[in-house]
Amino acid sequence: MVLDPDSAYLALQAHDARFDGRLFVGVTSTGVYCRPVCRVRTPKRENCRFFATPAQAEADAFRPCLKCRPEVAPGYSLFDSSQALAHSAARFIEKSVHEGEPLAMPALAARLGVTDRHLRRIFQASHGVSPVDYLTTQRLLLAKQLLTDTEQPVTQIALASGFDSLRRFNAAFAERYRLNPTQLRRERGTAPSNDNILLRLAYRPPYDVAATLGFFARRQIEGVEQIGADSLRRTIAPTHRGIRLSGWFSARFVADRNEVHLSVSPSLGPALGVVMQRVRQALDLDADPTLIDPVLESLPIPPCPGMRLPNGMDGFEVAVRVILGQQVTVKAARTLIQRLVDRYGEPVETPFPGLDRIFPTAAILAAADPETLGKLGIVRTRVGAMQKLAALVASGELSLHRHAPLDSTLDTLRALPGIGEWTAQVIAMRALAWPDAFPASDIGIYNALGTRDPKAALQLAEGWRPWRAYAVMRLWHHLETST
């Protein structure tokens, strides 16, 4: 929900990054809408109109600022609003746009278990615009980012943004932004200077970069990922419009700008929307510390302002890592996963020495010989759990991403032999990005809370809702870094 106008104007005057992505200002004298962090001269109060989303600003005929670029602002946290269904719909819309897939509103309503009319009503009440207008805004903002940051042909950008024809893309772009795509490229100035694709992703401060990268570094798999003091590189193989692509990206934190600068291999050009969304989820760039940190002040450890919930680049990969991490140390799990990657990982070329493998696909692991897997040191029950999971993912019967239906996905996971409540909750936390996941029987949680009783742990955690997964991450971080 947007702030009251007077508070919103104060945030704008202060260029307060805490409200980035939650507040947008339309300037009536220019017809442009900006982020609160925009560094142009602050407009007069009487010329400002305030909005909670870009879609609301565009519905009032404002066009996005070419300097602060609203398309790179952080998005919503899952619990930004009590309107959970409307926000689930928004997430599905964003997913379809970034994956370049068509999305019909009746089909979305059916997926959410409501009528098309009810979806339109609650969406309008929550977001201030219709689902179709929200969809159009998301498509155009993605296109604007690709036009600004890449040299991709306009036709390819139109398709990547979900438009089924160049004519319709040009018409929508000109109608909303009052310039055509070619004009926008002229406005941006100097074109990107190297062959790799460079993109910007913003986040809300504070952000504990060291904690996030430290979490990844302690679990780093050689060949797949490389973690530095302020950066993360890794291989990735997303699917875009049914076609599997492979390549790499390098994400570098630029703390003084509250941004991550993302370099992506040209081979992933058609799937840039997917890559950006996965990086946003993996680094938890859409989290809002102003909502999370106050709830977790009662944790029995020193405060951890801005600590995020690191996720994975691929839900299946995360689930395999969790299964192999059952009842063993982080170091032992890392050894098993490394052996799995060395044996079944797909080779890929990158410009970085030692970064040359893609994590094995579900299809490969589902078809692997169980005895060969056992020789890697993986015990029989975990081989069985991993292969049953891989078969479901490979067949499309199970999807592991933050847009997947939570309850049915958890039920499917729990029904698999070798996957108990702890495993299901950690997968929900790191693959489904569920911020309230809580593996109550985790030994680390026991140690941090001074109990061996799951019921007692659950009772203590009630005060941390709906951010219990963030509490778990802080407890783990405290244990891993204080010994």
Foldseek 3Di string as FASTA:
>chain_A
DDDDLVVLLVLLVVLALLCWQQKWKQFQVVLEIATSNFPDPRDDSVRIDMFRHVLQSLVVLRHYDPRRQSLQTFHADCPPDPLNLLVLLLVVLLVCQLLLHDDDQQVSCVVSPHGSVVNQVSNCVVHVDGSVSSSLVSLLSQLLQCLLFHPDDSQLSCSSRNHPGSVVVQVSNCRRHVDGSVVSNVVNPDYDDDQWTKGKHAAGDDAPQQLLLVVCVLLPAWQAWDGDNFKIKGKDWDAHPNRTWIFIKMWGDDPVRRIIMMTTHPRCVSNPSLQVVLVCQQRVRNDNQVVQQVLCPPFPDPGDGNYDQGAHSALLVQLLLLLLPPPHDSVNSSQLQNLQFVVAWDFDDDPDPRNTTDRHALVSLLPDDLVVSVVSVRDNQSSQLSNVVSVCVVVVVAGFAQSDDLPVNLVVSCPRGSRHLLSSLSSCVHGNVQQQRDNLQDPLLCVSVVHRDSVVSVVVCPSNPPRSSSVVSVSVSCVVPVD
